[in-house]
Amino acid sequence: LDTLLHEHLEGEAPYYFRLNILSGKDIKEKNTLLKKVSAALENVS
């Protein structure tokens, strides 16, 4: 993922993203997972 961002975006990090989850999950469960993954991506990077 980081390689793709460096290759296809101009300038240096930070890079700004939105997260989209396509799933058959319950909408509340999906939104909870979306928020947790978004926060975890910011932290791990």
All heavy atoms as atom14 arrays in JSON, in Angstrom:
{
  "sequence": "LDTLLHEHLEGEAPYYFRLNILSGKDIKEKNTLLKKVSAALENVS",
  "atom14_mask": [
    [1, 1, 1, 1, 1, 1, 1, 1, 0, 0, 0, 0, 0, 0],
    [1, 1, 1, 1, 1, 1, 1, 1, 0, 0, 0, 0, 0, 0],
    [1, 1, 1, 1, 1, 1, 1, 0, 0, 0, 0, 0, 0, 0],
    [1, 1, 1, 1, 1, 1, 1, 1, 0, 0, 0, 0, 0, 0],
    [1, 1, 1, 1, 1, 1, 1, 1, 0, 0, 0, 0, 0, 0],
    [1, 1, 1, 1, 1, 1, 1, 1, 1, 1, 0, 0, 0, 0],
    [1, 1, 1, 1, 1, 1, 1, 1, 1, 0, 0, 0, 0, 0],
    [1, 1, 1, 1, 1, 1, 1, 1, 1, 1, 0, 0, 0, 0],
    [1, 1, 1, 1, 1, 1, 1, 1, 0, 0, 0, 0, 0, 0],
    [1, 1, 1, 1, 1, 1, 1, 1, 1, 0, 0, 0, 0, 0],
    [1, 1, 1, 1, 0, 0, 0, 0, 0, 0, 0, 0, 0, 0],
    [1, 1, 1, 1, 1, 1, 1, 1, 1, 0, 0, 0, 0, 0],
    [1, 1, 1, 1, 1, 0, 0, 0, 0, 0, 0, 0, 0, 0],
    [1, 1, 1, 1, 1, 1, 1, 0, 0, 0, 0, 0, 0, 0],
    [1, 1, 1, 1, 1, 1, 1, 1, 1, 1, 1, 1, 0, 0],
    [1, 1, 1, 1, 1, 1, 1, 1, 1, 1, 1, 1, 0, 0],
    [1, 1, 1, 1, 1, 1, 1, 1, 1, 1, 1, 0, 0, 0],
    [1, 1, 1, 1, 1, 1, 1, 1, 1, 1, 1, 0, 0, 0],
    [1, 1, 1, 1, 1, 1, 1, 1, 0, 0, 0, 0, 0, 0],
    [1, 1, 1, 1, 1, 1, 1, 1, 0, 0, 0, 0, 0, 0],
    [1, 1, 1, 1, 1, 1, 1, 1, 0, 0, 0, 0, 0, 0],
    [1, 1, 1, 1, 1, 1, 1, 1, 0, 0, 0, 0, 0, 0],
    [1, 1, 1, 1, 1, 1, 0, 0, 0, 0, 0, 0, 0, 0],
    [1, 1, 1, 1, 0, 0, 0, 0, 0, 0, 0, 0, 0, 0],
    [1, 1, 1, 1, 1, 1, 1, 1, 1, 0, 0, 0, 0, 0],
    [1, 1, 1, 1, 1, 1, 1, 1, 0, 0, 0, 0, 0, 0],
    [1, 1, 1, 1, 1, 1, 1, 1, 0, 0, 0, 0, 0, 0],
    [1, 1, 1, 1, 1, 1, 1, 1, 1, 0, 0, 0, 0, 0],
    [1, 1, 1, 1, 1, 1, 1, 1, 1, 0, 0, 0, 0, 0],
    [1, 1, 1, 1, 1, 1, 1, 1, 1, 0, 0, 0, 0, 0],
    [1, 1, 1, 1, 1, 1, 1, 1, 0, 0, 0, 0, 0, 0],
    [1, 1, 1, 1, 1, 1, 1, 0, 0, 0, 0, 0, 0, 0],
    [1, 1, 1, 1, 1, 1, 1, 1, 0, 0, 0, 0, 0, 0],
    [1, 1, 1, 1, 1, 1, 1, 1, 0, 0, 0, 0, 0, 0],
    [1, 1, 1, 1, 1, 1, 1, 1, 1, 0, 0, 0, 0, 0],
    [1, 1, 1, 1, 1, 1, 1, 1, 1, 0, 0, 0, 0, 0],
    [1, 1, 1, 1, 1, 1, 1, 0, 0, 0, 0, 0, 0, 0],
    [1, 1, 1, 1, 1, 1, 0, 0, 0, 0, 0, 0, 0, 0],
    [1, 1, 1, 1, 1, 0, 0, 0, 0, 0, 0, 0, 0, 0],
    [1, 1, 1, 1, 1, 0, 0, 0, 0, 0, 0, 0, 0, 0],
    [1, 1, 1, 1, 1, 1, 1, 1, 0, 0, 0, 0, 0, 0],
    [1, 1, 1, 1, 1, 1, 1, 1, 1, 0, 0, 0, 0, 0],
    [1, 1, 1, 1, 1, 1, 1, 1, 0, 0, 0, 0, 0, 0],
    [1, 1, 1, 1, 1, 1, 1, 0, 0, 0, 0, 0, 0, 0],
    [1, 1, 1, 1, 1, 1, 0, 0, 0, 0, 0, 0, 0, 0]
  ],
  "atom14_positions": [
    [[0.82, -1.21, 0.0], [0.0, 0.0, 0.0], [0.86, 1.26, 0.0], [0.62, 2.19, -0.79], [-0.93, -0.01, 1.21], [-1.75, 1.27, 1.46], [-2.58, 1.65, 0.25], [-2.64, 1.09, 2.69], [0.0, 0.0, 0.0], [0.0, 0.0, 0.0], [0.0, 0.0, 0.0], [0.0, 0.0, 0.0], [0.0, 0.0, 0.0], [0.0, 0.0, 0.0]],
    [[1.86, 1.33, 0.86], [2.7, 2.53, 0.94], [3.45, 2.77, -0.36], [3.61, 3.91, -0.81], [3.68, 2.42, 2.1], [4.23, 3.77, 2.51], [3.43, 4.68, 2.8], [5.46, 3.93, 2.51], [0.0, 0.0, 0.0], [0.0, 0.0, 0.0], [0.0, 0.0, 0.0], [0.0, 0.0, 0.0], [0.0, 0.0, 0.0], [0.0, 0.0, 0.0]],
    [[3.87, 1.67, -1.0], [4.56, 1.79, -2.3], [3.63, 2.38, -3.35], [4.03, 3.25, -4.13], [5.07, 0.41, -2.76], [5.96, -0.11, -1.77], [5.78, 0.51, -4.09], [0.0, 0.0, 0.0], [0.0, 0.0, 0.0], [0.0, 0.0, 0.0], [0.0, 0.0, 0.0], [0.0, 0.0, 0.0], [0.0, 0.0, 0.0], [0.0, 0.0, 0.0]],
    [[2.4, 1.9, -3.38], [1.42, 2.43, -4.33], [1.18, 3.92, -4.11], [1.08, 4.7, -5.07], [0.09, 1.67, -4.21], [0.07, 0.23, -4.72], [-1.23, -0.46, -4.32], [0.22, 0.2, -6.25], [0.0, 0.0, 0.0], [0.0, 0.0, 0.0], [0.0, 0.0, 0.0], [0.0, 0.0, 0.0], [0.0, 0.0, 0.0], [0.0, 0.0, 0.0]],
    [[1.07, 4.32, -2.87], [0.85, 5.73, -2.57], [2.03, 6.59, -3.04], [1.83, 7.65, -3.64], [0.64, 5.91, -1.06], [-0.62, 5.26, -0.48], [-0.61, 5.35, 1.04], [-1.88, 5.92, -1.03], [0.0, 0.0, 0.0], [0.0, 0.0, 0.0], [0.0, 0.0, 0.0], [0.0, 0.0, 0.0], [0.0, 0.0, 0.0], [0.0, 0.0, 0.0]],
    [[3.25, 6.12, -2.8], [4.44, 6.87, -3.22], [4.55, 6.94, -4.74], [4.96, 7.96, -5.3], [5.7, 6.23, -2.64], [5.98, 6.61, -1.22], [6.44, 7.86, -0.86], [5.83, 5.92, -0.07], [6.57, 7.92, 0.45], [6.21, 6.75, 0.96], [0.0, 0.0, 0.0], [0.0, 0.0, 0.0], [0.0, 0.0, 0.0], [0.0, 0.0, 0.0]],
    [[4.17, 5.85, -5.42], [4.32, 5.8, -6.88], [3.29, 6.66, -7.61], [3.56, 7.21, -8.67], [4.2, 4.35, -7.37], [5.41, 3.49, -7.05], [5.24, 2.07, -7.55], [4.1, 1.68, -7.89], [6.24, 1.33, -7.58], [0.0, 0.0, 0.0], [0.0, 0.0, 0.0], [0.0, 0.0, 0.0], [0.0, 0.0, 0.0], [0.0, 0.0, 0.0]],
    [[2.1, 6.77, -7.05], [0.99, 7.36, -7.81], [0.5, 8.7, -7.27], [-0.4, 9.31, -7.85], [-0.18, 6.38, -7.89], [0.14, 5.15, -8.69], [0.2, 5.15, -10.07], [0.43, 3.88, -8.29], [0.51, 3.94, -10.49], [0.65, 3.15, -9.44], [0.0, 0.0, 0.0], [0.0, 0.0, 0.0], [0.0, 0.0, 0.0], [0.0, 0.0, 0.0]],
    [[1.07, 9.17, -6.16], [0.69, 10.48, -5.63], [1.88, 11.41, -5.66], [3.01, 10.99, -5.4], [0.16, 10.35, -4.19], [-1.2, 9.66, -4.02], [-1.54, 9.55, -2.54], [-2.3, 10.4, -4.76], [0.0, 0.0, 0.0], [0.0, 0.0, 0.0], [0.0, 0.0, 0.0], [0.0, 0.0, 0.0], [0.0, 0.0, 0.0], [0.0, 0.0, 0.0]],
    [[1.63, 12.66, -5.96], [2.69, 13.66, -5.93], [2.94, 14.11, -4.49], [2.03, 14.13, -3.66], [2.3, 14.87, -6.79], [2.22, 14.55, -8.29], [1.91, 15.79, -9.1], [1.71, 16.86, -8.5], [1.89, 15.7, -10.33], [0.0, 0.0, 0.0], [0.0, 0.0, 0.0], [0.0, 0.0, 0.0], [0.0, 0.0, 0.0], [0.0, 0.0, 0.0]],
    [[4.17, 14.48, -4.23], [4.5, 14.99, -2.9], [4.74, 13.87, -1.9], [4.61, 12.69, -2.19], [0.0, 0.0, 0.0], [0.0, 0.0, 0.0], [0.0, 0.0, 0.0], [0.0, 0.0, 0.0], [0.0, 0.0, 0.0], [0.0, 0.0, 0.0], [0.0, 0.0, 0.0], [0.0, 0.0, 0.0], [0.0, 0.0, 0.0], [0.0, 0.0, 0.0]],
    [[5.1, 14.29, -0.7], [5.43, 13.35, 0.36], [4.24, 13.16, 1.3], [3.25, 13.9, 1.27], [6.64, 13.87, 1.15], [7.91, 14.01, 0.3], [8.36, 12.69, -0.28], [8.27, 11.67, 0.43], [8.8, 12.67, -1.45], [0.0, 0.0, 0.0], [0.0, 0.0, 0.0], [0.0, 0.0, 0.0], [0.0, 0.0, 0.0], [0.0, 0.0, 0.0]],
    [[4.37, 12.15, 2.17], [3.35, 11.9, 3.18], [3.27, 13.12, 4.12], [4.22, 13.89, 4.21], [3.71, 10.64, 3.95], [0.0, 0.0, 0.0], [0.0, 0.0, 0.0], [0.0, 0.0, 0.0], [0.0, 0.0, 0.0], [0.0, 0.0, 0.0], [0.0, 0.0, 0.0], [0.0, 0.0, 0.0], [0.0, 0.0, 0.0], [0.0, 0.0, 0.0]],
    [[2.15, 13.33, 4.82], [1.06, 12.37, 4.97], [0.13, 12.32, 3.76], [-0.03, 13.3, 3.04], [0.31, 12.89, 6.2], [0.55, 14.38, 6.18], [1.95, 14.53, 5.68], [0.0, 0.0, 0.0], [0.0, 0.0, 0.0], [0.0, 0.0, 0.0], [0.0, 0.0, 0.0], [0.0, 0.0, 0.0], [0.0, 0.0, 0.0], [0.0, 0.0, 0.0]],
    [[-0.5, 11.12, 3.57], [-1.47, 10.9, 2.52], [-2.86, 10.8, 3.16], [-3.01, 10.17, 4.21], [-1.14, 9.64, 1.74], [0.22, 9.68, 1.08], [1.21, 8.76, 1.43], [0.51, 10.62, 0.11], [2.46, 8.79, 0.83], [1.76, 10.67, -0.49], [2.73, 9.75, -0.14], [3.97, 9.79, -0.73], [0.0, 0.0, 0.0], [0.0, 0.0, 0.0]],
    [[-3.83, 11.39, 2.5], [-5.18, 11.46, 3.07], [-6.09, 10.44, 2.39], [-6.2, 10.4, 1.17], [-5.73, 12.88, 2.92], [-4.94, 13.88, 3.73], [-3.78, 14.46, 3.22], [-5.33, 14.21, 5.02], [-3.04, 15.35, 3.98], [-4.59, 15.1, 5.79], [-3.45, 15.66, 5.26], [-2.71, 16.53, 6.02], [0.0, 0.0, 0.0], [0.0, 0.0, 0.0]],
    [[-6.75, 9.62, 3.22], [-7.58, 8.54, 2.68], [-8.97, 8.55, 3.32], [-9.2, 9.15, 4.37], [-6.91, 7.18, 2.95], [-6.96, 6.73, 4.39], [-8.03, 5.96, 4.86], [-5.96, 7.08, 5.29], [-8.09, 5.55, 6.2], [-6.01, 6.68, 6.63], [-7.09, 5.91, 7.08], [0.0, 0.0, 0.0], [0.0, 0.0, 0.0], [0.0, 0.0, 0.0]],
    [[-9.89, 7.87, 2.65], [-11.16, 7.49, 3.26], [-11.22, 5.96, 3.21], [-10.6, 5.34, 2.34], [-12.36, 8.09, 2.52], [-12.61, 7.51, 1.15], [-13.75, 8.22, 0.44], [-15.04, 7.98, 1.06], [-15.91, 7.06, 0.64], [-15.61, 6.28, -0.4], [-17.06, 6.91, 1.23], [0.0, 0.0, 0.0], [0.0, 0.0, 0.0], [0.0, 0.0, 0.0]],
    [[-11.94, 5.37, 4.13], [-12.06, 3.92, 4.18], [-13.48, 3.53, 3.81], [-14.45, 4.15, 4.26], [-11.73, 3.4, 5.58], [-11.76, 1.88, 5.77], [-10.65, 1.21, 4.97], [-11.63, 1.52, 7.26], [0.0, 0.0, 0.0], [0.0, 0.0, 0.0], [0.0, 0.0, 0.0], [0.0, 0.0, 0.0], [0.0, 0.0, 0.0], [0.0, 0.0, 0.0]],
    [[-13.61, 2.51, 2.97], [-14.92, 2.01, 2.56], [-14.92, 0.49, 2.73], [-14.02, -0.19, 2.24], [-15.19, 2.39, 1.1], [-16.6, 2.02, 0.66], [-17.45, 1.68, 1.47], [-16.84, 2.07, -0.64], [0.0, 0.0, 0.0], [0.0, 0.0, 0.0], [0.0, 0.0, 0.0], [0.0, 0.0, 0.0], [0.0, 0.0, 0.0], [0.0, 0.0, 0.0]],
    [[-15.9, -0.02, 3.43], [-16.02, -1.46, 3.64], [-17.29, -1.95, 2.95], [-18.4, -1.5, 3.28], [-16.07, -1.81, 5.15], [-14.76, -1.39, 5.82], [-16.31, -3.31, 5.34], [-14.74, -1.63, 7.33], [0.0, 0.0, 0.0], [0.0, 0.0, 0.0], [0.0, 0.0, 0.0], [0.0, 0.0, 0.0], [0.0, 0.0, 0.0], [0.0, 0.0, 0.0]],
    [[-17.12, -2.84, 1.98], [-18.26, -3.45, 1.29], [-18.48, -4.83, 1.9], [-17.65, -5.73, 1.72], [-18.0, -3.55, -0.2], [-17.76, -2.23, -0.94], [-17.64, -2.47, -2.44], [-18.9, -1.24, -0.67], [0.0, 0.0, 0.0], [0.0, 0.0, 0.0], [0.0, 0.0, 0.0], [0.0, 0.0, 0.0], [0.0, 0.0, 0.0], [0.0, 0.0, 0.0]],
    [[-19.58, -4.97, 2.61], [-19.79, -6.17, 3.4], [-21.27, -6.41, 3.6], [-22.09, -5.47, 3.52], [-19.09, -6.03, 4.76], [-19.52, -6.98, 5.67], [0.0, 0.0, 0.0], [0.0, 0.0, 0.0], [0.0, 0.0, 0.0], [0.0, 0.0, 0.0], [0.0, 0.0, 0.0], [0.0, 0.0, 0.0], [0.0, 0.0, 0.0], [0.0, 0.0, 0.0]],
    [[-21.61, -7.66, 3.85], [-22.99, -8.0, 4.18], [-23.29, -7.85, 5.65], [-24.36, -8.25, 6.12], [0.0, 0.0, 0.0], [0.0, 0.0, 0.0], [0.0, 0.0, 0.0], [0.0, 0.0, 0.0], [0.0, 0.0, 0.0], [0.0, 0.0, 0.0], [0.0, 0.0, 0.0], [0.0, 0.0, 0.0], [0.0, 0.0, 0.0], [0.0, 0.0, 0.0]],
    [[-22.37, -7.26, 6.39], [-22.54, -7.1, 7.83], [-23.69, -6.16, 8.16], [-24.13, -5.35, 7.33], [-21.26, -6.52, 8.45], [-20.03, -7.4, 8.37], [-18.84, -6.65, 8.96], [-17.58, -7.48, 8.88], [-17.67, -8.7, 9.7], [0.0, 0.0, 0.0], [0.0, 0.0, 0.0], [0.0, 0.0, 0.0], [0.0, 0.0, 0.0], [0.0, 0.0, 0.0]],
    [[-24.16, -6.24, 9.39], [-25.1, -5.27, 9.92], [-24.45, -3.89, 9.85], [-23.25, -3.73, 10.11], [-25.43, -5.63, 11.37], [-26.27, -4.56, 12.06], [-27.47, -4.51, 11.79], [-25.69, -3.78, 12.85], [0.0, 0.0, 0.0], [0.0, 0.0, 0.0], [0.0, 0.0, 0.0], [0.0, 0.0, 0.0], [0.0, 0.0, 0.0], [0.0, 0.0, 0.0]],
    [[-25.23, -2.88, 9.48], [-24.69, -1.55, 9.23], [-24.0, -0.98, 10.48], [-22.94, -0.33, 10.38], [-25.81, -0.58, 8.74], [-25.21, 0.77, 8.33], [-26.89, -0.42, 9.8], [-24.38, 0.7, 7.09], [0.0, 0.0, 0.0], [0.0, 0.0, 0.0], [0.0, 0.0, 0.0], [0.0, 0.0, 0.0], [0.0, 0.0, 0.0], [0.0, 0.0, 0.0]],
    [[-24.55, -1.26, 11.66], [-23.93, -0.76, 12.9], [-22.58, -1.45, 13.13], [-21.59, -0.78, 13.47], [-24.87, -1.02, 14.07], [-24.4, -0.4, 15.38], [-25.43, -0.61, 16.48], [-24.94, 0.02, 17.79], [-25.94, -0.17, 18.89], [0.0, 0.0, 0.0], [0.0, 0.0, 0.0], [0.0, 0.0, 0.0], [0.0, 0.0, 0.0], [0.0, 0.0, 0.0]],
    [[-22.54, -2.76, 12.9], [-21.3, -3.51, 13.07], [-20.25, -3.05, 12.06], [-19.06, -2.91, 12.39], [-21.57, -5.01, 12.89], [-20.36, -5.9, 13.06], [-20.65, -7.36, 12.77], [-21.84, -7.7, 12.54], [-19.7, -8.16, 12.76], [0.0, 0.0, 0.0], [0.0, 0.0, 0.0], [0.0, 0.0, 0.0], [0.0, 0.0, 0.0], [0.0, 0.0, 0.0]],
    [[-20.69, -2.78, 10.84], [-19.77, -2.33, 9.8], [-19.19, -0.95, 10.13], [-17.99, -0.72, 9.96], [-20.48, -2.31, 8.44], [-19.55, -2.0, 7.28], [-20.22, -2.23, 5.94], [-21.24, -1.18, 5.61], [-21.74, -1.31, 4.22], [0.0, 0.0, 0.0], [0.0, 0.0, 0.0], [0.0, 0.0, 0.0], [0.0, 0.0, 0.0], [0.0, 0.0, 0.0]],
    [[-20.03, -0.05, 10.6], [-19.55, 1.29, 10.95], [-18.57, 1.26, 12.12], [-17.6, 2.03, 12.14], [-20.74, 2.2, 11.29], [-21.52, 2.62, 10.06], [-21.0, 2.57, 8.94], [-22.76, 3.01, 10.25], [0.0, 0.0, 0.0], [0.0, 0.0, 0.0], [0.0, 0.0, 0.0], [0.0, 0.0, 0.0], [0.0, 0.0, 0.0], [0.0, 0.0, 0.0]],
    [[-18.82, 0.37, 13.07], [-17.89, 0.23, 14.2], [-16.53, -0.25, 13.71], [-15.48, 0.27, 14.1], [-18.46, -0.76, 15.23], [-19.71, -0.26, 15.72], [-17.49, -0.95, 16.4], [0.0, 0.0, 0.0], [0.0, 0.0, 0.0], [0.0, 0.0, 0.0], [0.0, 0.0, 0.0], [0.0, 0.0, 0.0], [0.0, 0.0, 0.0], [0.0, 0.0, 0.0]],
    [[-16.54, -1.27, 12.83], [-15.29, -1.79, 12.28], [-14.57, -0.73, 11.45], [-13.35, -0.57, 11.53], [-15.56, -3.03, 11.41], [-14.34, -3.69, 10.77], [-13.38, -4.2, 11.84], [-14.77, -4.83, 9.85], [0.0, 0.0, 0.0], [0.0, 0.0, 0.0], [0.0, 0.0, 0.0], [0.0, 0.0, 0.0], [0.0, 0.0, 0.0], [0.0, 0.0, 0.0]],
    [[-15.33, 0.05, 10.69], [-14.75, 1.1, 9.85], [-13.99, 2.12, 10.7], [-12.87, 2.51, 10.37], [-15.87, 1.75, 9.04], [-15.48, 2.68, 7.9], [-16.52, 2.63, 6.79], [-15.32, 4.12, 8.37], [0.0, 0.0, 0.0], [0.0, 0.0, 0.0], [0.0, 0.0, 0.0], [0.0, 0.0, 0.0], [0.0, 0.0, 0.0], [0.0, 0.0, 0.0]],
    [[-14.61, 2.56, 11.79], [-13.96, 3.55, 12.66], [-12.7, 2.98, 13.3], [-11.67, 3.66, 13.39], [-14.95, 3.99, 13.73], [-16.1, 4.84, 13.2], [-17.08, 5.19, 14.29], [-18.26, 5.99, 13.74], [-19.26, 6.28, 14.81], [0.0, 0.0, 0.0], [0.0, 0.0, 0.0], [0.0, 0.0, 0.0], [0.0, 0.0, 0.0], [0.0, 0.0, 0.0]],
    [[-12.77, 1.71, 13.73], [-11.62, 1.1, 14.39], [-10.46, 0.9, 13.41], [-9.3, 1.17, 13.75], [-12.03, -0.24, 15.0], [-12.91, -0.13, 16.24], [-13.22, -1.49, 16.81], [-14.05, -1.38, 18.08], [-14.36, -2.72, 18.65], [0.0, 0.0, 0.0], [0.0, 0.0, 0.0], [0.0, 0.0, 0.0], [0.0, 0.0, 0.0], [0.0, 0.0, 0.0]],
    [[-10.77, 0.46, 12.18], [-9.71, 0.25, 11.19], [-9.08, 1.58, 10.8], [-7.85, 1.69, 10.67], [-10.26, -0.48, 9.94], [-9.19, -0.55, 8.85], [-10.72, -1.89, 10.3], [0.0, 0.0, 0.0], [0.0, 0.0, 0.0], [0.0, 0.0, 0.0], [0.0, 0.0, 0.0], [0.0, 0.0, 0.0], [0.0, 0.0, 0.0], [0.0, 0.0, 0.0]],
    [[-9.89, 2.61, 10.61], [-9.37, 3.93, 10.24], [-8.39, 4.45, 11.29], [-7.3, 4.94, 10.96], [-10.51, 4.93, 10.07], [-11.37, 4.55, 9.01], [0.0, 0.0, 0.0], [0.0, 0.0, 0.0], [0.0, 0.0, 0.0], [0.0, 0.0, 0.0], [0.0, 0.0, 0.0], [0.0, 0.0, 0.0], [0.0, 0.0, 0.0], [0.0, 0.0, 0.0]],
    [[-8.77, 4.33, 12.57], [-7.9, 4.78, 13.64], [-6.63, 3.95, 13.72], [-5.52, 4.49, 13.91], [-8.65, 4.72, 14.97], [0.0, 0.0, 0.0], [0.0, 0.0, 0.0], [0.0, 0.0, 0.0], [0.0, 0.0, 0.0], [0.0, 0.0, 0.0], [0.0, 0.0, 0.0], [0.0, 0.0, 0.0], [0.0, 0.0, 0.0], [0.0, 0.0, 0.0]],
    [[-6.78, 2.62, 13.51], [-5.61, 1.73, 13.58], [-4.65, 2.01, 12.44], [-3.42, 1.93, 12.62], [-6.08, 0.28, 13.55], [0.0, 0.0, 0.0], [0.0, 0.0, 0.0], [0.0, 0.0, 0.0], [0.0, 0.0, 0.0], [0.0, 0.0, 0.0], [0.0, 0.0, 0.0], [0.0, 0.0, 0.0], [0.0, 0.0, 0.0], [0.0, 0.0, 0.0]],
    [[-5.17, 2.36, 11.26], [-4.3, 2.68, 10.12], [-3.49, 3.94, 10.39], [-2.3, 4.02, 10.05], [-5.15, 2.86, 8.85], [-5.61, 1.58, 8.16], [-6.61, 1.91, 7.05], [-4.43, 0.82, 7.57], [0.0, 0.0, 0.0], [0.0, 0.0, 0.0], [0.0, 0.0, 0.0], [0.0, 0.0, 0.0], [0.0, 0.0, 0.0], [0.0, 0.0, 0.0]],
    [[-4.12, 4.94, 11.0], [-3.38, 6.15, 11.34], [-2.26, 5.85, 12.33], [-1.12, 6.32, 12.18], [-4.34, 7.19, 11.93], [-5.28, 7.81, 10.91], [-6.02, 9.02, 11.46], [-6.0, 9.22, 12.7], [-6.6, 9.78, 10.67], [0.0, 0.0, 0.0], [0.0, 0.0, 0.0], [0.0, 0.0, 0.0], [0.0, 0.0, 0.0], [0.0, 0.0, 0.0]],
    [[-2.59, 5.04, 13.32], [-1.59, 4.74, 14.37], [-0.43, 3.91, 13.84], [0.74, 4.23, 14.1], [-2.27, 4.01, 15.53], [-3.2, 4.93, 16.32], [-2.98, 6.14, 16.37], [-4.23, 4.35, 16.93], [0.0, 0.0, 0.0], [0.0, 0.0, 0.0], [0.0, 0.0, 0.0], [0.0, 0.0, 0.0], [0.0, 0.0, 0.0], [0.0, 0.0, 0.0]],
    [[-0.75, 2.85, 13.09], [0.31, 1.94, 12.65], [1.25, 2.63, 11.64], [2.42, 2.28, 11.53], [-0.3, 0.64, 12.05], [-0.86, 0.88, 10.65], [0.73, -0.49, 12.03], [0.0, 0.0, 0.0], [0.0, 0.0, 0.0], [0.0, 0.0, 0.0], [0.0, 0.0, 0.0], [0.0, 0.0, 0.0], [0.0, 0.0, 0.0], [0.0, 0.0, 0.0]],
    [[0.74, 3.61, 10.92], [1.56, 4.33, 9.93], [2.29, 5.52, 10.54], [2.99, 6.26, 9.82], [0.68, 4.82, 8.77], [-0.19, 5.86, 9.21], [0.0, 0.0, 0.0], [0.0, 0.0, 0.0], [0.0, 0.0, 0.0], [0.0, 0.0, 0.0], [0.0, 0.0, 0.0], [0.0, 0.0, 0.0], [0.0, 0.0, 0.0], [0.0, 0.0, 0.0]]
  ]
}
